[in-house]
Protein backbone atom coordinates (compact mmCIF):
# COMPACT_ATOMS: atom_id res chain seq x y z
CA UNK A 1 -8.59 -12.41 5.40
CA UNK A 2 -7.54 -9.99 8.22
CA UNK A 3 -3.80 -9.67 8.95
CA UNK A 4 -4.25 -8.91 12.63
CA UNK A 5 -1.41 -11.34 13.54
CA UNK A 6 -1.18 -14.50 15.51
CA UNK A 7 -0.09 -14.53 19.18
CA UNK A 8 2.08 -17.62 19.87
CA UNK A 9 3.71 -18.71 23.11
CA UNK A 10 6.32 -21.08 21.71
CA UNK A 11 8.60 -21.72 18.85
CA UNK A 12 8.48 -24.58 16.47
CA UNK A 13 11.58 -26.80 16.48
CA UNK A 14 12.48 -25.76 12.98
CA UNK A 15 12.45 -22.07 13.99
CA UNK A 16 14.76 -22.71 16.77
CA UNK A 17 17.38 -24.22 14.49
CA UNK A 18 17.00 -21.19 12.17
CA UNK A 19 17.41 -18.62 15.00
CA UNK A 20 20.37 -20.52 16.50
CA UNK A 21 22.08 -20.65 13.12
CA UNK A 22 21.58 -16.90 12.63
CA UNK A 23 22.87 -16.09 16.05
CA UNK A 24 26.00 -18.25 15.55
CA UNK A 25 26.64 -16.40 12.18
CA UNK A 26 26.14 -13.02 13.91
CA UNK A 27 28.72 -13.84 16.57
CA UNK A 28 31.25 -14.89 13.97
CA UNK A 29 30.97 -11.82 11.82
CA UNK A 30 29.99 -9.19 14.39
CA UNK A 31 33.57 -8.18 14.86
CA UNK A 32 33.59 -7.01 11.27
CA UNK A 33 30.44 -4.80 10.86
CA UNK A 34 29.11 -4.96 7.30
CA UNK A 35 26.02 -3.48 5.79
CA UNK A 36 22.93 -5.69 6.38
CA UNK A 37 22.54 -8.59 4.10
CA UNK A 38 20.15 -11.50 3.82
CA UNK A 39 21.44 -14.93 5.06
CA UNK A 40 20.31 -18.02 3.23
CA UNK A 41 18.51 -20.87 5.01
CA UNK A 42 16.55 -23.74 3.64
CA UNK A 43 13.18 -22.43 4.80
CA UNK A 44 13.73 -18.72 4.18
CA UNK A 45 16.06 -15.77 4.16
CA UNK A 46 16.12 -13.79 7.31
CA UNK A 47 17.00 -10.01 7.34
CA UNK A 48 19.63 -9.53 10.16
CA UNK A 49 18.99 -6.55 12.37
CA UNK A 50 22.04 -5.06 14.08
CA UNK A 51 20.37 -2.93 16.77
CA UNK A 52 16.53 -3.66 17.05
CA UNK A 53 15.63 -6.78 19.05
CA UNK A 54 11.84 -6.59 18.83
CA UNK A 55 11.23 -7.84 15.34
CA UNK A 56 12.49 -10.05 12.51
CA UNK A 57 11.59 -10.37 8.90
CA UNK A 58 12.03 -13.67 6.89
CA UNK A 59 11.73 -13.77 3.17
CA UNK A 60 10.44 -17.05 1.54
CA UNK A 61 11.62 -17.54 -2.10
CA UNK A 62 10.53 -13.95 -2.95
CA UNK A 63 6.88 -15.15 -2.65
CA UNK A 64 6.01 -14.05 0.81
CA UNK A 65 7.31 -12.62 4.10
CA UNK A 66 6.68 -13.43 7.69
CA UNK A 67 7.22 -10.61 10.21
CA UNK A 68 7.64 -11.52 13.84
CA UNK A 69 7.12 -9.08 16.57
CA UNK A 70 8.20 -10.12 20.21
CA UNK A 71 6.90 -8.89 23.57
CA UNK A 72 5.60 -5.56 22.14
CA UNK A 73 4.49 -3.83 25.36
CA UNK A 74 5.94 -3.34 28.88
CA UNK A 75 5.70 -6.45 31.04
CA UNK A 76 4.96 -8.69 27.95
CA UNK A 77 6.59 -12.17 28.40
CA UNK A 78 6.72 -14.88 25.70
CA UNK A 79 4.17 -13.02 23.53
CA UNK A 80 4.70 -13.08 19.89
CA UNK A 81 2.75 -11.72 16.76
CA UNK A 82 3.27 -13.02 13.32
CA UNK A 83 2.23 -11.24 10.13
CA UNK A 84 2.13 -12.90 6.67
CA UNK A 85 2.89 -10.61 3.67
CA UNK A 86 2.10 -11.46 0.11
CA UNK A 87 2.60 -9.11 -2.84
CA UNK A 88 -0.57 -7.90 -4.49
CA UNK A 89 0.53 -9.28 -7.92
CA UNK A 90 1.11 -12.86 -6.56
CA UNK A 91 -1.03 -15.77 -5.50
CA UNK A 92 -1.37 -16.74 -1.90
CA UNK A 93 0.73 -19.93 -1.36
CA UNK A 94 -1.22 -23.00 -0.24
CA UNK A 95 0.65 -22.91 3.12
CA UNK A 96 -0.76 -19.58 3.93
CA UNK A 97 -4.38 -20.27 2.87
CA UNK A 98 -5.44 -20.48 6.46
CA UNK A 99 -3.16 -17.59 7.71
CA UNK A 100 -4.17 -13.91 8.11
CA UNK A 101 -2.38 -12.42 5.00
CA UNK A 102 -1.62 -8.75 4.36
CA UNK A 103 -1.34 -7.76 0.69
CA UNK A 104 1.62 -5.46 -0.02
CA UNK A 105 2.35 -2.72 -0.86
CA UNK A 106 -0.25 -1.33 1.51
CA UNK A 107 -1.93 1.77 0.06
CA UNK A 108 -4.13 3.18 2.80
CA UNK A 109 -2.79 3.24 6.34
CA UNK A 110 -3.94 4.40 9.82
CA UNK A 111 -1.27 5.36 12.33
CA UNK A 112 -1.98 5.35 16.13
CA UNK A 113 1.26 7.15 16.85
CA UNK A 114 3.05 10.06 15.28
CA UNK A 115 6.31 8.10 15.17
CA UNK A 116 4.60 5.86 12.65
CA UNK A 117 3.83 8.84 10.39
CA UNK A 118 7.56 9.75 10.57
CA UNK A 119 8.65 6.37 9.46
CA UNK A 120 6.27 6.29 6.62
CA UNK A 121 7.32 9.76 5.48
CA UNK A 122 11.01 8.53 5.72
CA UNK A 123 10.26 6.07 2.88
CA UNK A 124 8.35 8.75 0.80
CA UNK A 125 4.92 7.27 1.49
CA UNK A 126 3.02 10.03 3.40
CA UNK A 127 0.22 10.02 0.93
CA UNK A 128 -0.70 6.49 2.06
CA UNK A 129 -1.75 7.85 5.51
CA UNK A 130 -5.51 8.22 5.69
CA UNK A 131 -6.03 8.32 9.53
CA UNK A 132 -4.09 9.36 12.58
CA UNK A 133 -4.73 9.15 16.27
CA UNK A 134 -4.52 12.75 17.51
CA UNK A 135 -3.91 14.75 14.38
CA UNK A 136 -3.22 17.88 16.48
CA UNK A 137 0.02 16.30 17.52
CA UNK A 138 1.41 16.03 13.99
CA UNK A 139 4.16 18.55 12.99
CA UNK A 140 5.17 17.39 9.56
CA UNK A 141 4.22 20.09 7.08
CA UNK A 142 3.17 17.75 4.33
CA UNK A 143 1.04 15.55 6.52
CA UNK A 144 -0.47 18.67 8.25
CA UNK A 145 -1.51 19.88 4.74
CA UNK A 146 -3.25 16.55 4.15
CA UNK A 147 -5.00 16.89 7.50
CA UNK A 148 -6.11 20.49 6.75
CA UNK A 149 -7.46 19.33 3.32
CA UNK A 150 -9.34 16.59 4.94
CA UNK A 151 -7.46 13.77 3.36
CA UNK A 152 -6.40 12.44 6.79
CA UNK A 153 -9.00 11.94 9.45
CA UNK A 154 -8.53 11.93 13.21
CA UNK A 155 -9.50 8.45 14.50
CA UNK A 156 -9.53 9.36 18.28
CA UNK A 157 -7.00 8.44 20.87
CA UNK A 158 -6.29 5.64 23.25
CA UNK A 159 -9.39 4.29 24.87
CA UNK A 160 -11.43 6.75 22.71
CA UNK A 161 -10.62 5.31 19.19
CA UNK A 162 -13.40 5.95 16.74
CA UNK A 163 -13.85 2.58 15.09
CA UNK A 164 -16.63 3.84 12.93
CA UNK A 165 -14.18 6.32 11.33
CA UNK A 166 -11.58 3.59 10.91
CA UNK A 167 -14.12 1.37 9.13
CA UNK A 168 -15.06 4.22 6.84
CA UNK A 169 -11.50 4.75 5.90
CA UNK A 170 -11.21 1.12 4.62
CA UNK A 171 -7.54 0.92 5.49
CA UNK A 172 -5.16 -1.80 4.28
CA UNK A 173 -3.42 -1.54 7.66
CA UNK A 174 -3.61 -0.05 11.09
CA UNK A 175 -0.35 0.46 12.83
CA UNK A 176 -0.94 -0.05 16.65
CA UNK A 177 1.20 0.56 19.67
CA UNK A 178 0.59 0.06 23.37
CA UNK A 179 2.37 0.82 26.60
CA UNK A 180 0.47 -2.06 28.10
CA UNK A 181 -1.53 -5.16 27.20
CA UNK A 182 -4.41 -2.89 26.09
CA UNK A 183 -2.80 -2.94 22.66
CA UNK A 184 -4.02 -6.52 22.27
CA UNK A 185 -7.57 -5.41 22.95
CA UNK A 186 -7.38 -2.90 20.04
CA UNK A 187 -5.96 -5.51 17.73
CA UNK A 188 -8.71 -8.01 18.72
CA UNK A 189 -11.28 -5.35 18.05
CA UNK A 190 -9.92 -4.54 14.65
CA UNK A 191 -9.69 -8.29 13.80
CA UNK A 192 -13.33 -8.68 14.64
CA UNK A 193 -13.89 -5.83 12.14
CA UNK A 194 -11.82 -7.69 9.60
CA UNK A 195 -9.16 -4.88 9.53
CA UNK A 196 -5.51 -5.71 9.30
CA UNK A 197 -3.52 -4.54 12.28
CA UNK A 198 0.11 -4.77 13.31
CA UNK A 199 1.87 -3.71 16.38
CA UNK A 200 4.99 -1.42 16.23
CA UNK A 201 7.05 -1.60 19.45
CA UNK A 202 10.01 0.57 18.62
CA UNK A 203 9.63 2.59 21.83
CA UNK A 204 10.83 -0.53 23.85
CA UNK A 205 14.32 -0.55 22.15
CA UNK A 206 17.22 0.35 24.34
CA UNK A 207 19.15 2.56 21.96
CA UNK A 208 18.07 5.31 19.44
CA UNK A 209 19.66 3.45 16.48
CA UNK A 210 17.48 0.37 17.49
CA UNK A 211 14.44 2.53 17.49
CA UNK A 212 15.22 3.91 14.21
CA UNK A 213 15.92 0.45 12.76
CA UNK A 214 12.18 -0.28 12.99
CA UNK A 215 12.06 1.52 9.62
CA UNK A 216 12.81 -2.00 8.17
CA UNK A 217 9.65 -3.28 9.82
CA UNK A 218 7.48 -0.46 8.44
CA UNK A 219 9.09 -0.73 4.92
CA UNK A 220 8.28 -4.33 4.60
CA UNK A 221 4.58 -3.40 4.29
CA UNK A 222 5.43 -1.05 1.33
CA UNK A 223 7.89 -3.39 -0.42
CA UNK A 224 10.50 -0.65 0.21
CA UNK A 225 13.05 -2.68 2.25
CA UNK A 226 15.95 -1.69 -0.05
CA UNK A 227 15.38 2.13 0.30
CA UNK A 228 14.87 1.71 4.10
CA UNK A 229 18.20 -0.05 4.39
CA UNK A 230 20.04 2.46 2.32
CA UNK A 231 18.78 5.34 4.29
CA UNK A 232 19.23 3.69 7.59
CA UNK A 233 22.86 2.91 6.80
CA UNK A 234 23.48 6.64 6.30
CA UNK A 235 21.93 7.49 9.62
CA UNK A 236 24.04 4.76 11.33
CA UNK A 237 27.26 5.99 9.67
CA UNK A 238 26.65 9.62 10.72
CA UNK A 239 25.62 8.70 14.15
CA UNK A 240 28.65 6.50 14.85
CA UNK A 241 31.09 9.15 13.44
CA UNK A 242 29.57 11.67 15.75
CA UNK A 243 29.84 9.27 18.67
CA UNK A 244 33.50 8.83 17.86
CA UNK A 245 34.06 12.45 17.96
CA UNK A 246 32.34 12.81 21.38
CA UNK A 247 34.18 9.83 22.58
CA UNK A 248 37.53 11.64 22.32
CA UNK A 249 36.66 14.09 25.20
CA UNK A 250 38.27 13.61 28.63
CA UNK A 251 36.03 15.78 30.81
CA UNK A 252 32.28 14.80 30.68
CA UNK A 253 29.65 17.14 32.09
CA UNK A 254 27.21 15.81 34.75
CA UNK A 255 23.75 15.74 33.10
CA UNK A 256 20.40 16.05 34.87
CA UNK A 257 17.15 15.22 33.08
CA UNK A 258 13.41 15.47 33.79
CA UNK A 259 11.02 17.57 35.81
CA UNK A 260 8.85 16.65 38.78
CA UNK A 261 5.32 15.33 37.95
CA UNK A 262 2.77 15.28 40.78
CA UNK A 263 5.41 15.12 43.48
CA UNK A 264 7.64 12.70 41.94
CA UNK A 265 10.77 13.07 39.64
CA UNK A 266 10.92 10.39 37.10
CA UNK A 267 14.56 9.81 35.96
CA UNK A 268 15.44 7.62 33.00
CA UNK A 269 17.01 4.31 33.95
CA UNK A 270 20.69 3.92 33.57
CA UNK A 271 20.20 1.44 30.75
CA UNK A 272 17.56 3.47 28.93
CA UNK A 273 17.97 4.93 25.41
CA UNK A 274 18.11 8.46 26.90
CA UNK A 275 21.09 7.43 29.30
CA UNK A 276 22.89 5.78 26.40
CA UNK A 277 22.28 8.80 24.18
CA UNK A 278 23.77 11.17 26.81
CA UNK A 279 26.82 8.77 27.07
CA UNK A 280 27.32 8.79 23.28
CA UNK A 281 27.23 12.60 23.30
CA UNK A 282 30.09 12.71 25.76
CA UNK A 283 27.99 13.36 28.94
CA UNK A 284 27.78 11.67 32.35
CA UNK A 285 24.15 10.83 33.35
CA UNK A 286 23.62 11.51 37.06
CA UNK A 287 21.70 8.11 37.47
CA UNK A 288 24.00 6.07 35.15
CA UNK A 289 24.66 3.54 37.90
CA UNK A 290 20.98 2.57 37.83
CA UNK A 291 20.45 -0.68 35.83
CA UNK A 292 16.90 -0.10 34.80
CA UNK A 293 15.76 0.24 31.21
CA UNK A 294 12.85 2.19 32.30
CA UNK A 295 12.14 5.45 34.18
CA UNK A 296 12.52 5.29 37.98
CA UNK A 297 10.66 7.40 40.56
CA UNK A 298 12.93 9.66 42.70
CA UNK A 299 11.71 11.89 45.52
CA UNK A 300 12.29 15.62 44.80
CA UNK A 301 14.51 16.11 47.81
CA UNK A 302 16.96 13.49 46.60
CA UNK A 303 16.96 14.94 43.10
CA UNK A 304 17.75 18.51 44.46
CA UNK A 305 20.49 17.10 46.58
CA UNK A 306 22.14 15.18 43.68
CA UNK A 307 21.45 17.93 41.10
CA UNK A 308 24.08 20.06 42.90
CA UNK A 309 26.57 18.02 40.85
CA UNK A 310 24.93 18.72 37.62
CA UNK A 311 26.59 20.82 34.96
CA UNK A 312 23.80 20.86 32.46
CA UNK A 313 20.11 19.91 32.62
CA UNK A 314 18.08 18.64 29.61
CA UNK A 315 14.56 17.48 28.84
CA UNK A 316 12.80 19.40 31.68
CA UNK A 317 9.23 18.18 30.85
CA UNK A 318 7.34 20.60 28.59
CA UNK A 319 8.82 23.71 30.02
CA UNK A 320 9.38 26.53 27.70
CA UNK A 321 11.11 28.88 30.18
CA UNK A 322 12.91 29.04 33.50
CA UNK A 323 9.84 30.57 34.98
CA UNK A 324 7.71 27.54 34.06
CA UNK A 325 10.28 25.24 35.70
CA UNK A 326 10.11 27.17 38.96
CA UNK A 327 6.33 27.09 38.91
CA UNK A 328 6.48 23.31 39.27
CA UNK A 329 8.58 23.53 42.61
CA UNK A 330 10.19 26.75 43.97
CA UNK A 331 13.02 24.67 45.60
CA UNK A 332 14.48 24.27 42.11
CA UNK A 333 15.71 27.84 42.26
CA UNK A 334 18.36 26.76 44.67
CA UNK A 335 19.88 24.34 42.24
CA UNK A 336 23.35 25.35 40.87
CA UNK A 337 22.50 24.31 37.38
CA UNK A 338 19.33 26.47 37.55
CA UNK A 339 21.31 29.47 38.66
CA UNK A 340 23.67 28.92 35.88
CA UNK A 341 20.68 28.71 33.58
CA UNK A 342 22.38 26.03 31.56
CA UNK A 343 19.16 24.26 30.77
CA UNK A 344 18.00 22.97 27.25
CA UNK A 345 14.68 21.32 26.33
CA UNK A 346 13.82 19.23 23.42
CA UNK A 347 10.80 21.23 22.33
CA UNK A 348 12.33 23.72 19.85
CA UNK A 349 9.96 22.56 17.10
CA UNK A 350 6.17 22.85 18.12
CA UNK A 351 3.13 23.17 16.07
CA UNK A 352 0.30 25.53 16.98
CA UNK A 353 -1.27 22.83 19.03
CA UNK A 354 1.75 21.97 21.05
CA UNK A 355 2.63 18.85 19.01
CA UNK A 356 6.41 18.29 19.55
CA UNK A 357 8.55 17.23 16.49
CA UNK A 358 11.21 15.65 18.77
CA UNK A 359 8.70 12.79 19.34
CA UNK A 360 7.85 12.61 15.65
CA UNK A 361 10.55 13.12 13.16
CA UNK A 362 13.21 12.66 15.86
CA UNK A 363 12.52 8.91 15.76
CA UNK A 364 14.32 8.97 12.27
CA UNK A 365 16.88 11.50 13.15
CA UNK A 366 18.87 10.08 16.01
CA UNK A 367 22.07 11.56 14.39
CA UNK A 368 20.70 15.06 14.58
CA UNK A 369 19.61 14.74 18.17
CA UNK A 370 23.09 13.37 19.06
CA UNK A 371 24.58 16.38 17.24
CA UNK A 372 22.48 18.75 19.28
CA UNK A 373 23.56 17.16 22.54
CA UNK A 374 27.17 17.17 21.62
CA UNK A 375 26.93 20.85 20.90
CA UNK A 376 25.31 21.40 24.31
CA UNK A 377 27.83 19.37 26.21
CA UNK A 378 30.86 20.19 24.19
CA UNK A 379 30.23 23.28 21.89
CA UNK A 380 33.91 23.35 20.85
CA UNK A 381 33.53 19.98 19.10
CA UNK A 382 30.88 21.28 16.69
CA UNK A 383 31.29 25.08 16.66
CA UNK A 384 29.31 25.66 13.46
CA UNK A 385 26.24 23.47 14.58
CA UNK A 386 22.79 25.17 14.92
CA UNK A 387 20.49 23.40 17.31
CA UNK A 388 17.56 21.66 15.73
CA UNK A 389 15.40 19.84 18.34
CA UNK A 390 16.91 21.59 21.43
CA UNK A 391 16.74 25.13 22.64
CA UNK A 392 18.15 26.95 25.66
CA UNK A 393 15.49 28.02 28.05
CA UNK A 394 15.36 31.70 29.13
CA UNK A 395 13.51 33.61 31.78
CA UNK A 396 10.07 34.34 30.09
CA UNK A 397 8.83 37.88 30.03
CA UNK A 398 6.15 38.72 32.58
C-alpha cells in the first residue's frame, strides 16, 4: 500500500500520556546533556530530538516505526502526517494491515529539494537517488556524475512536476517539501498514483542544528539511524565548541544581511535561524530585536539609514561582485559598509548552472558555516581558517 501519510487533527489519549512523559523526562535531564538515547515506554520507544521540533520517531519492539511530522509548511496549524515503516524482511503486523506502510530500507528515492540529496549523501546512500526536481541545482560531484550518466532523471519543479517521469522511475519513496499547503496537493496526487511520499520540513526549524537533526528523519527510511546519530553528534560537538570560542568576544560587529528585491528589502526575523547563527558566530544582527521567525519586509530607505551602523554585510542575494549590488539600487553606494567593501556572500561554491552548494551540502555542515562566519566577524579567533561557503565580494572587472 502507498505510504503517503495520514493527516490527523488530534492526538489519541494514549499518545498524550506518552508525549507528556517524554517531556517530563527531558526537563529532568536537559541540564546534563547526553548523547541521544531511546526512552522506553509500554507502547514503544521514542527517539528524543534535542533541537528539531517538527518530527518524532517511535520504535515498536523492533518490528516497525511510526514517524510523525507536525505542521510541515508555513501557516500550518494542527496538521500531522504519520508514516508507518516496516523492514523488508519482516511481516506487516496486524495493527498496520489497514495503514499505508513503507518498506525499509528504501532503494529508489526521488528528491524534490537538493537539501534532501545532501542528507541522503550524508548517510552514504547517493546511489539510491533516481530522480531530482531541478537537477541543474545539484552541486555534489558524485550526484552530478549520476545525472550526467542518465542514472538520475529531472522530474520537473514545483507546479511543473512530471508525474509520468516519476511513475516511470518506480520509486520506493518521494521526499516532498512545500512552502505552503500546495505540498498536500503533491502528496495527494502521488497517493492517487500509489506512490509513497513523505514531507520533509527541515527548513521551518529555528536553528541550523535543528535543521541538520532532520538527518534522523531521513535515516529512518534507510534503517541507518545509528550512523546518522553518530555523525550528527560530531557536528553538534564541533558546532558548540566553535560557539563557545565566539562567545568569548566582548566586541561584536553589527551585521547587515540581504539585498532589495523588487523594491523591498527582506530581512531575516530576529528569531530566525540566520539571526541565531549570526549570534552564535559573535555578531550583532541589526534586526535582532524583531521577534519574527520569518523574513520581514523593510523599505529600502529604512535599511540604508540603519545600515550606517553596519560593520559587515553578509548574504547580499545572488550578487557575485560589488558592481552587481550597486546595479540593484545606486543608493547603496553611500552605505558605510559598502564603502569599506566588507561584504561577504554565501555563494563561493557554484556549479556551471548557478546551483549554490550553500543551500545543498550546507544543511549538513552548519559547523563549517559557523566557522566561516566566525572568521569573517573575528578573524583573529581562527587565523588559519580558509573560507568554504563564503567569499569576499570585489569590484568586478568591466
